[in-house]
Amino acid sequence: MNLNRLLAVLAFAVFLAFFGVVIRFVPHPDLGVAIGIGILLAGYDLWSQLRSRAR
């Protein structure tokens, strides 16, 4: 795994940790849905970018 991939995964982990704190201290269902959609989109983008470089 090269440095770019490692940093991308680390950035995604920090992204998840940040929104985990937001959800923990501001427990509104609509905010949770919006953050969940954002996390799914970011996760898909990360997965597709890491997968395309492997080929």
N, C-alpha and C. Protein backbone atom coordinates (compact mmCIF):
# COMPACT_ATOMS: atom_id res chain seq x y z
N MET A 1 0.86 -1.18 0.00
CA MET A 1 0.00 0.00 0.00
C MET A 1 0.90 1.23 0.00
N ASN A 2 0.71 2.09 -0.98
CA ASN A 2 1.57 3.26 -1.05
C ASN A 2 1.06 4.37 -0.13
N LEU A 3 1.81 5.44 -0.05
CA LEU A 3 1.52 6.53 0.88
C LEU A 3 0.19 7.20 0.58
N ASN A 4 -0.15 7.40 -0.69
CA ASN A 4 -1.41 8.05 -1.04
C ASN A 4 -2.61 7.25 -0.55
N ARG A 5 -2.57 5.95 -0.72
CA ARG A 5 -3.67 5.10 -0.26
C ARG A 5 -3.77 5.11 1.25
N LEU A 6 -2.64 5.05 1.91
CA LEU A 6 -2.62 5.06 3.36
C LEU A 6 -3.21 6.37 3.89
N LEU A 7 -2.83 7.49 3.31
CA LEU A 7 -3.35 8.77 3.75
C LEU A 7 -4.84 8.91 3.45
N ALA A 8 -5.30 8.35 2.34
CA ALA A 8 -6.73 8.40 2.02
C ALA A 8 -7.54 7.61 3.04
N VAL A 9 -7.06 6.45 3.42
CA VAL A 9 -7.75 5.64 4.42
C VAL A 9 -7.71 6.33 5.78
N LEU A 10 -6.58 6.93 6.12
CA LEU A 10 -6.46 7.67 7.38
C LEU A 10 -7.42 8.86 7.41
N ALA A 11 -7.51 9.59 6.31
CA ALA A 11 -8.43 10.72 6.24
C ALA A 11 -9.88 10.27 6.39
N PHE A 12 -10.23 9.15 5.80
CA PHE A 12 -11.59 8.63 5.93
C PHE A 12 -11.86 8.22 7.38
N ALA A 13 -10.88 7.64 8.04
CA ALA A 13 -11.05 7.25 9.44
C ALA A 13 -11.25 8.49 10.33
N VAL A 14 -10.52 9.56 10.06
CA VAL A 14 -10.70 10.80 10.81
C VAL A 14 -12.07 11.39 10.52
N PHE A 15 -12.51 11.32 9.28
CA PHE A 15 -13.84 11.77 8.88
C PHE A 15 -14.91 11.03 9.68
N LEU A 16 -14.77 9.71 9.77
CA LEU A 16 -15.72 8.91 10.54
C LEU A 16 -15.69 9.26 12.03
N ALA A 17 -14.51 9.46 12.57
CA ALA A 17 -14.38 9.80 13.98
C ALA A 17 -15.03 11.15 14.28
N PHE A 18 -14.82 12.13 13.41
CA PHE A 18 -15.41 13.44 13.61
C PHE A 18 -16.94 13.36 13.62
N PHE A 19 -17.50 12.69 12.64
CA PHE A 19 -18.95 12.61 12.59
C PHE A 19 -19.51 11.69 13.67
N GLY A 20 -18.71 10.76 14.16
CA GLY A 20 -19.14 9.96 15.30
C GLY A 20 -19.32 10.83 16.54
N VAL A 21 -18.43 11.78 16.74
CA VAL A 21 -18.55 12.71 17.86
C VAL A 21 -19.77 13.61 17.68
N VAL A 22 -19.99 14.09 16.46
CA VAL A 22 -21.16 14.93 16.21
C VAL A 22 -22.45 14.18 16.50
N ILE A 23 -22.55 12.96 16.03
CA ILE A 23 -23.75 12.15 16.27
C ILE A 23 -23.93 11.86 17.76
N ARG A 24 -22.83 11.66 18.45
CA ARG A 24 -22.89 11.34 19.89
C ARG A 24 -23.45 12.50 20.70
N PHE A 25 -23.03 13.73 20.39
CA PHE A 25 -23.41 14.87 21.20
C PHE A 25 -24.58 15.68 20.64
N VAL A 26 -24.97 15.44 19.40
CA VAL A 26 -26.13 16.11 18.80
C VAL A 26 -27.03 15.03 18.19
N PRO A 27 -27.75 14.31 19.03
CA PRO A 27 -28.51 13.15 18.54
C PRO A 27 -29.87 13.52 17.90
N HIS A 28 -29.83 14.08 16.72
CA HIS A 28 -31.05 14.37 15.97
C HIS A 28 -31.15 13.38 14.81
N PRO A 29 -32.30 12.76 14.63
CA PRO A 29 -32.44 11.75 13.58
C PRO A 29 -32.17 12.29 12.17
N ASP A 30 -32.63 13.50 11.87
CA ASP A 30 -32.40 14.03 10.52
C ASP A 30 -30.92 14.32 10.28
N LEU A 31 -30.21 14.77 11.30
CA LEU A 31 -28.77 14.98 11.18
C LEU A 31 -28.06 13.65 10.96
N GLY A 32 -28.51 12.62 11.66
CA GLY A 32 -27.93 11.29 11.50
C GLY A 32 -28.10 10.75 10.09
N VAL A 33 -29.27 10.99 9.50
CA VAL A 33 -29.52 10.54 8.13
C VAL A 33 -28.62 11.30 7.15
N ALA A 34 -28.51 12.61 7.32
CA ALA A 34 -27.67 13.41 6.43
C ALA A 34 -26.20 13.00 6.53
N ILE A 35 -25.73 12.79 7.74
CA ILE A 35 -24.34 12.36 7.93
C ILE A 35 -24.14 10.95 7.38
N GLY A 36 -25.12 10.08 7.57
CA GLY A 36 -25.02 8.73 7.03
C GLY A 36 -24.91 8.72 5.51
N ILE A 37 -25.70 9.56 4.86
CA ILE A 37 -25.62 9.66 3.40
C ILE A 37 -24.25 10.17 2.98
N GLY A 38 -23.76 11.18 3.68
CA GLY A 38 -22.43 11.72 3.37
C GLY A 38 -21.32 10.69 3.56
N ILE A 39 -21.42 9.91 4.61
CA ILE A 39 -20.42 8.86 4.87
C ILE A 39 -20.48 7.78 3.79
N LEU A 40 -21.69 7.40 3.40
CA LEU A 40 -21.82 6.41 2.33
C LEU A 40 -21.22 6.91 1.02
N LEU A 41 -21.48 8.17 0.68
CA LEU A 41 -20.92 8.72 -0.55
C LEU A 41 -19.40 8.80 -0.49
N ALA A 42 -18.87 9.25 0.64
CA ALA A 42 -17.42 9.33 0.79
C ALA A 42 -16.78 7.95 0.78
N GLY A 43 -17.43 6.98 1.41
CA GLY A 43 -16.91 5.61 1.41
C GLY A 43 -16.91 5.01 0.03
N TYR A 44 -17.97 5.25 -0.73
CA TYR A 44 -18.02 4.75 -2.10
C TYR A 44 -16.93 5.39 -2.96
N ASP A 45 -16.73 6.68 -2.79
CA ASP A 45 -15.69 7.37 -3.55
C ASP A 45 -14.31 6.82 -3.20
N LEU A 46 -14.05 6.62 -1.92
CA LEU A 46 -12.77 6.05 -1.50
C LEU A 46 -12.58 4.66 -2.09
N TRP A 47 -13.61 3.83 -1.99
CA TRP A 47 -13.54 2.46 -2.51
C TRP A 47 -13.29 2.46 -4.02
N SER A 48 -14.02 3.30 -4.75
CA SER A 48 -13.87 3.30 -6.20
C SER A 48 -12.50 3.84 -6.62
N GLN A 49 -11.97 4.82 -5.91
CA GLN A 49 -10.67 5.36 -6.25
C GLN A 49 -9.55 4.36 -5.93
N LEU A 50 -9.63 3.71 -4.80
CA LEU A 50 -8.60 2.73 -4.44
C LEU A 50 -8.68 1.51 -5.36
N ARG A 51 -9.86 1.12 -5.76
CA ARG A 51 -10.02 -0.03 -6.63
C ARG A 51 -9.52 0.26 -8.05
N SER A 52 -9.76 1.47 -8.55
CA SER A 52 -9.35 1.79 -9.91
C SER A 52 -7.84 1.87 -10.05
N ARG A 53 -7.14 2.24 -8.98
CA ARG A 53 -5.68 2.34 -9.04
C ARG A 53 -5.03 0.96 -8.99
N ALA A 54 -5.74 -0.01 -8.46
CA ALA A 54 -5.17 -1.35 -8.34
C ALA A 54 -5.03 -2.03 -9.70
N ARG A 55 -5.83 -1.63 -10.66
CA ARG A 55 -5.80 -2.26 -11.98
C ARG A 55 -4.70 -1.74 -12.83
